[in-house]
Amino acid sequence: MSAAVMACMLAAAAFHHLPPRVLPSIQAVEGGRVGMVSMNRNTTADLGLMQVNTIWVYPLARATRLPTSTVFTRLRDDACFNIYAAAAIMRVYLHEARGNVMTAIGYYHSHTPTLSADYQQKVIDAAMNLYAHPSPVTKASPAPPAPR
């Protein structure tokens, strides 16, 4: 994940009062990327990096006062817009779940209990993979000597 994407995720999480590891963990499960459109069996589609479902296009258009076509395009093609939308959706679900982060994470995928529970476990597994084995820190090169 690029530094710019991670910075956007951290900023979106902070803005929407989400735990900072939630969005990267969800993205790891969703496996989305900029420009991606995944068709669903129910005639909706999932868009972009966080695979935001098209059922959210109209509510996001209302909230942002942007045309629905613009919201669709930005969800698909603008990583940071997509991330902020996913964070806003998580905030809605966190409110619906009365503050239960795991329930909200499950709702991001489905309100069907078995599908929600399966998704929660996938996100937990992704978080463990992302954060249990941090990449090694490389030592910075020493600063060059000051000119004399």
C-alpha atoms as a PDB file:
ATOM      1  CA  MET A   1       0.000   0.000   0.000  1.00  0.00           C
ATOM      2  CA  SER A   2       1.421   3.361  -0.961  1.00  0.00           C
ATOM      3  CA  ALA A   3       2.262   6.000   1.606  1.00  0.00           C
ATOM      4  CA  ALA A   4      -0.333   8.340   0.052  1.00  0.00           C
ATOM      5  CA  VAL A   5      -3.086   5.722   0.372  1.00  0.00           C
ATOM      6  CA  MET A   6      -2.102   4.953   3.957  1.00  0.00           C
ATOM      7  CA  ALA A   7      -2.038   8.669   4.796  1.00  0.00           C
ATOM      8  CA  CYS A   8      -5.523   9.054   3.344  1.00  0.00           C
ATOM      9  CA  MET A   9      -6.760   6.050   5.344  1.00  0.00           C
ATOM     10  CA  LEU A  10      -5.334   7.442   8.567  1.00  0.00           C
ATOM     11  CA  ALA A  11      -6.814  10.884   7.914  1.00  0.00           C
ATOM     12  CA  ALA A  12     -10.235   9.423   7.015  1.00  0.00           C
ATOM     13  CA  ALA A  13     -10.203   7.213  10.115  1.00  0.00           C
ATOM     14  CA  ALA A  14      -9.302  10.171  12.322  1.00  0.00           C
ATOM     15  CA  PHE A  15     -11.961  12.390  10.724  1.00  0.00           C
ATOM     16  CA  HIS A  16     -14.682   9.756  11.186  1.00  0.00           C
ATOM     17  CA  HIS A  17     -13.433   8.604  14.612  1.00  0.00           C
ATOM     18  CA  LEU A  18     -12.600   5.052  13.516  1.00  0.00           C
ATOM     19  CA  PRO A  19      -9.803   2.836  14.803  1.00  0.00           C
ATOM     20  CA  PRO A  20      -6.839   3.478  12.465  1.00  0.00           C
ATOM     21  CA  ARG A  21      -6.388  -0.191  11.519  1.00  0.00           C
ATOM     22  CA  VAL A  22      -9.959  -0.751  10.342  1.00  0.00           C
ATOM     23  CA  LEU A  23      -9.726   0.722   6.840  1.00  0.00           C
ATOM     24  CA  PRO A  24      -6.438  -0.959   5.832  1.00  0.00           C
ATOM     25  CA  SER A  25      -7.757  -4.279   7.127  1.00  0.00           C
ATOM     26  CA  ILE A  26     -11.018  -3.937   5.194  1.00  0.00           C
ATOM     27  CA  GLN A  27      -9.112  -2.968   2.060  1.00  0.00           C
ATOM     28  CA  ALA A  28      -6.924  -6.044   2.395  1.00  0.00           C
ATOM     29  CA  VAL A  29     -10.060  -8.209   2.364  1.00  0.00           C
ATOM     30  CA  GLU A  30     -11.818  -6.261  -0.380  1.00  0.00           C
ATOM     31  CA  GLY A  31      -8.743  -6.318  -2.613  1.00  0.00           C
ATOM     32  CA  GLY A  32      -9.949  -3.346  -4.621  1.00  0.00           C
ATOM     33  CA  ARG A  33      -7.857  -1.021  -6.694  1.00  0.00           C
ATOM     34  CA  VAL A  34      -8.339   2.299  -8.431  1.00  0.00           C
ATOM     35  CA  GLY A  35     -10.524   1.872 -11.519  1.00  0.00           C
ATOM     36  CA  MET A  36     -11.929  -1.492 -10.415  1.00  0.00           C
ATOM     37  CA  VAL A  37     -15.620  -2.331 -10.841  1.00  0.00           C
ATOM     38  CA  SER A  38     -16.829  -5.690  -9.479  1.00  0.00           C
ATOM     39  CA  MET A  39     -20.324  -6.729 -10.498  1.00  0.00           C
ATOM     40  CA  ASN A  40     -22.489  -8.394  -7.850  1.00  0.00           C
ATOM     41  CA  ARG A  41     -25.254 -10.982  -8.310  1.00  0.00           C
ATOM     42  CA  ASN A  42     -27.854  -8.467  -7.110  1.00  0.00           C
ATOM     43  CA  THR A  43     -27.124  -6.037 -10.015  1.00  0.00           C
ATOM     44  CA  THR A  44     -25.110  -3.649  -7.846  1.00  0.00           C
ATOM     45  CA  ALA A  45     -21.381  -3.153  -8.265  1.00  0.00           C
ATOM     46  CA  ASP A  46     -18.456  -2.523  -5.935  1.00  0.00           C
ATOM     47  CA  LEU A  47     -16.201   0.372  -6.882  1.00  0.00           C
ATOM     48  CA  GLY A  48     -12.561   1.264  -6.462  1.00  0.00           C
ATOM     49  CA  LEU A  49     -10.032   0.659  -3.741  1.00  0.00           C
ATOM     50  CA  MET A  50     -12.446  -0.058  -0.875  1.00  0.00           C
ATOM     51  CA  GLN A  51     -15.057  -1.677  -3.154  1.00  0.00           C
ATOM     52  CA  VAL A  52     -17.800   0.760  -2.119  1.00  0.00           C
ATOM     53  CA  ASN A  53     -21.169  -0.598  -3.248  1.00  0.00           C
ATOM     54  CA  THR A  54     -23.171   1.413  -5.764  1.00  0.00           C
ATOM     55  CA  ILE A  55     -26.114   1.544  -3.340  1.00  0.00           C
ATOM     56  CA  TRP A  56     -24.105   4.332  -1.697  1.00  0.00           C
ATOM     57  CA  VAL A  57     -23.775   6.508  -4.830  1.00  0.00           C
ATOM     58  CA  TYR A  58     -27.029   8.414  -4.333  1.00  0.00           C
ATOM     59  CA  PRO A  59     -26.632   8.982  -0.554  1.00  0.00           C
ATOM     60  CA  LEU A  60     -23.042  10.134  -1.114  1.00  0.00           C
ATOM     61  CA  ALA A  61     -24.169  12.418  -3.944  1.00  0.00           C
ATOM     62  CA  ARG A  62     -26.733  13.992  -1.625  1.00  0.00           C
ATOM     63  CA  ALA A  63     -24.179  14.390   1.177  1.00  0.00           C
ATOM     64  CA  THR A  64     -21.501  15.875  -1.083  1.00  0.00           C
ATOM     65  CA  ARG A  65     -23.898  17.810  -3.344  1.00  0.00           C
ATOM     66  CA  LEU A  66     -22.183  16.266  -6.369  1.00  0.00           C
ATOM     67  CA  PRO A  67     -23.943  14.712  -9.355  1.00  0.00           C
ATOM     68  CA  THR A  68     -24.360  10.940  -9.057  1.00  0.00           C
ATOM     69  CA  SER A  69     -22.244  10.441 -12.179  1.00  0.00           C
ATOM     70  CA  THR A  70     -19.399  12.364 -10.535  1.00  0.00           C
ATOM     71  CA  VAL A  71     -19.691  10.349  -7.323  1.00  0.00           C
ATOM     72  CA  PHE A  72     -19.654   7.086  -9.305  1.00  0.00           C
ATOM     73  CA  THR A  73     -16.564   8.146 -11.244  1.00  0.00           C
ATOM     74  CA  ARG A  74     -14.727   9.396  -8.174  1.00  0.00           C
ATOM     75  CA  LEU A  75     -15.552   6.265  -6.175  1.00  0.00           C
ATOM     76  CA  ARG A  76     -14.123   4.203  -9.008  1.00  0.00           C
ATOM     77  CA  ASP A  77     -11.106   6.337  -9.889  1.00  0.00           C
ATOM     78  CA  ASP A  78     -10.120   8.514  -6.903  1.00  0.00           C
ATOM     79  CA  ALA A  79      -8.509   6.471  -4.127  1.00  0.00           C
ATOM     80  CA  CYS A  80      -8.836   9.103  -1.411  1.00  0.00           C
ATOM     81  CA  PHE A  81     -12.465   9.941  -2.263  1.00  0.00           C
ATOM     82  CA  ASN A  82     -13.212   6.206  -2.149  1.00  0.00           C
ATOM     83  CA  ILE A  83     -11.468   5.828   1.214  1.00  0.00           C
ATOM     84  CA  TYR A  84     -13.328   8.782   2.752  1.00  0.00           C
ATOM     85  CA  ALA A  85     -16.603   7.331   1.454  1.00  0.00           C
ATOM     86  CA  ALA A  86     -15.765   3.954   3.021  1.00  0.00           C
ATOM     87  CA  ALA A  87     -14.954   5.693   6.302  1.00  0.00           C
ATOM     88  CA  ALA A  88     -18.262   7.580   6.200  1.00  0.00           C
ATOM     89  CA  ILE A  89     -20.086   4.302   5.531  1.00  0.00           C
ATOM     90  CA  MET A  90     -18.269   2.698   8.444  1.00  0.00           C
ATOM     91  CA  ARG A  91     -19.346   5.634  10.642  1.00  0.00           C
ATOM     92  CA  VAL A  92     -22.998   5.026   9.614  1.00  0.00           C
ATOM     93  CA  TYR A  93     -22.653   1.326  10.405  1.00  0.00           C
ATOM     94  CA  LEU A  94     -20.848   2.023  13.681  1.00  0.00           C
ATOM     95  CA  HIS A  95     -23.780   4.195  14.740  1.00  0.00           C
ATOM     96  CA  GLU A  96     -26.218   1.472  13.622  1.00  0.00           C
ATOM     97  CA  ALA A  97     -24.179  -1.104  15.577  1.00  0.00           C
ATOM     98  CA  ARG A  98     -24.255   1.132  18.689  1.00  0.00           C
ATOM     99  CA  GLY A  99     -20.490   1.461  18.775  1.00  0.00           C
ATOM    100  CA  ASN A 100     -19.622  -2.193  18.183  1.00  0.00           C
ATOM    101  CA  VAL A 101     -16.736  -2.013  15.712  1.00  0.00           C
ATOM    102  CA  MET A 102     -16.859  -5.689  14.750  1.00  0.00           C
ATOM    103  CA  THR A 103     -20.593  -5.551  14.030  1.00  0.00           C
ATOM    104  CA  ALA A 104     -20.039  -2.431  11.901  1.00  0.00           C
ATOM    105  CA  ILE A 105     -17.262  -4.200  10.002  1.00  0.00           C
ATOM    106  CA  GLY A 106     -19.618  -7.089   9.298  1.00  0.00           C
ATOM    107  CA  TYR A 107     -22.295  -4.654   8.102  1.00  0.00           C
ATOM    108  CA  TYR A 108     -19.795  -3.182   5.617  1.00  0.00           C
ATOM    109  CA  HIS A 109     -20.132  -6.493   3.777  1.00  0.00           C
ATOM    110  CA  SER A 110     -23.642  -7.691   4.677  1.00  0.00           C
ATOM    111  CA  HIS A 111     -26.383  -7.482   7.264  1.00  0.00           C
ATOM    112  CA  THR A 112     -26.989 -11.232   6.850  1.00  0.00           C
ATOM    113  CA  PRO A 113     -25.632 -12.696  10.110  1.00  0.00           C
ATOM    114  CA  THR A 114     -23.601 -15.583   8.639  1.00  0.00           C
ATOM    115  CA  LEU A 115     -22.117 -13.444   5.851  1.00  0.00           C
ATOM    116  CA  SER A 116     -21.378 -10.673   8.338  1.00  0.00           C
ATOM    117  CA  ALA A 117     -19.645 -13.073  10.750  1.00  0.00           C
ATOM    118  CA  ASP A 118     -17.553 -14.617   7.950  1.00  0.00           C
ATOM    119  CA  TYR A 119     -16.480 -11.144   6.823  1.00  0.00           C
ATOM    120  CA  GLN A 120     -15.602 -10.101  10.364  1.00  0.00           C
ATOM    121  CA  GLN A 121     -13.277 -13.100  10.622  1.00  0.00           C
ATOM    122  CA  LYS A 122     -11.649 -12.271   7.283  1.00  0.00           C
ATOM    123  CA  VAL A 123     -10.988  -8.713   8.470  1.00  0.00           C
ATOM    124  CA  ILE A 124      -9.536  -9.986  11.763  1.00  0.00           C
ATOM    125  CA  ASP A 125      -7.267 -12.345   9.817  1.00  0.00           C
ATOM    126  CA  ALA A 126      -6.216  -9.516   7.506  1.00  0.00           C
ATOM    127  CA  ALA A 127      -5.453  -7.272  10.485  1.00  0.00           C
ATOM    128  CA  MET A 128      -3.336 -10.020  12.030  1.00  0.00           C
ATOM    129  CA  ASN A 129      -1.396 -10.373   8.773  1.00  0.00           C
ATOM    130  CA  LEU A 130      -0.954  -6.628   8.375  1.00  0.00           C
ATOM    131  CA  TYR A 131      -0.043  -5.772  11.954  1.00  0.00           C
ATOM    132  CA  ALA A 132       1.273  -8.886  13.702  1.00  0.00           C
ATOM    133  CA  HIS A 133       4.367  -9.053  11.503  1.00  0.00           C
ATOM    134  CA  PRO A 134       5.435  -5.472  10.831  1.00  0.00           C
ATOM    135  CA  SER A 135       8.004  -5.030   8.139  1.00  0.00           C
ATOM    136  CA  PRO A 136      11.530  -4.618   9.461  1.00  0.00           C
ATOM    137  CA  VAL A 137      12.713  -1.111   9.996  1.00  0.00           C
ATOM    138  CA  THR A 138      15.715  -0.280   7.929  1.00  0.00           C
ATOM    139  CA  LYS A 139      18.426   1.834   9.403  1.00  0.00           C
ATOM    140  CA  ALA A 140      18.743   5.202   7.813  1.00  0.00           C
ATOM    141  CA  SER A 141      22.037   6.082   6.265  1.00  0.00           C
ATOM    142  CA  PRO A 142      24.087   8.355   8.422  1.00  0.00           C
ATOM    143  CA  ALA A 143      23.909  11.984   7.514  1.00  0.00           C
ATOM    144  CA  PRO A 144      26.768  13.177   5.340  1.00  0.00           C
ATOM    145  CA  PRO A 145      29.378  15.233   7.138  1.00  0.00           C
ATOM    146  CA  ALA A 146      28.782  18.953   7.199  1.00  0.00           C
ATOM    147  CA  PRO A 147      30.851  20.908   4.660  1.00  0.00           C
ATOM    148  CA  ARG A 148      33.913  22.595   6.108  1.00  0.00           C
END
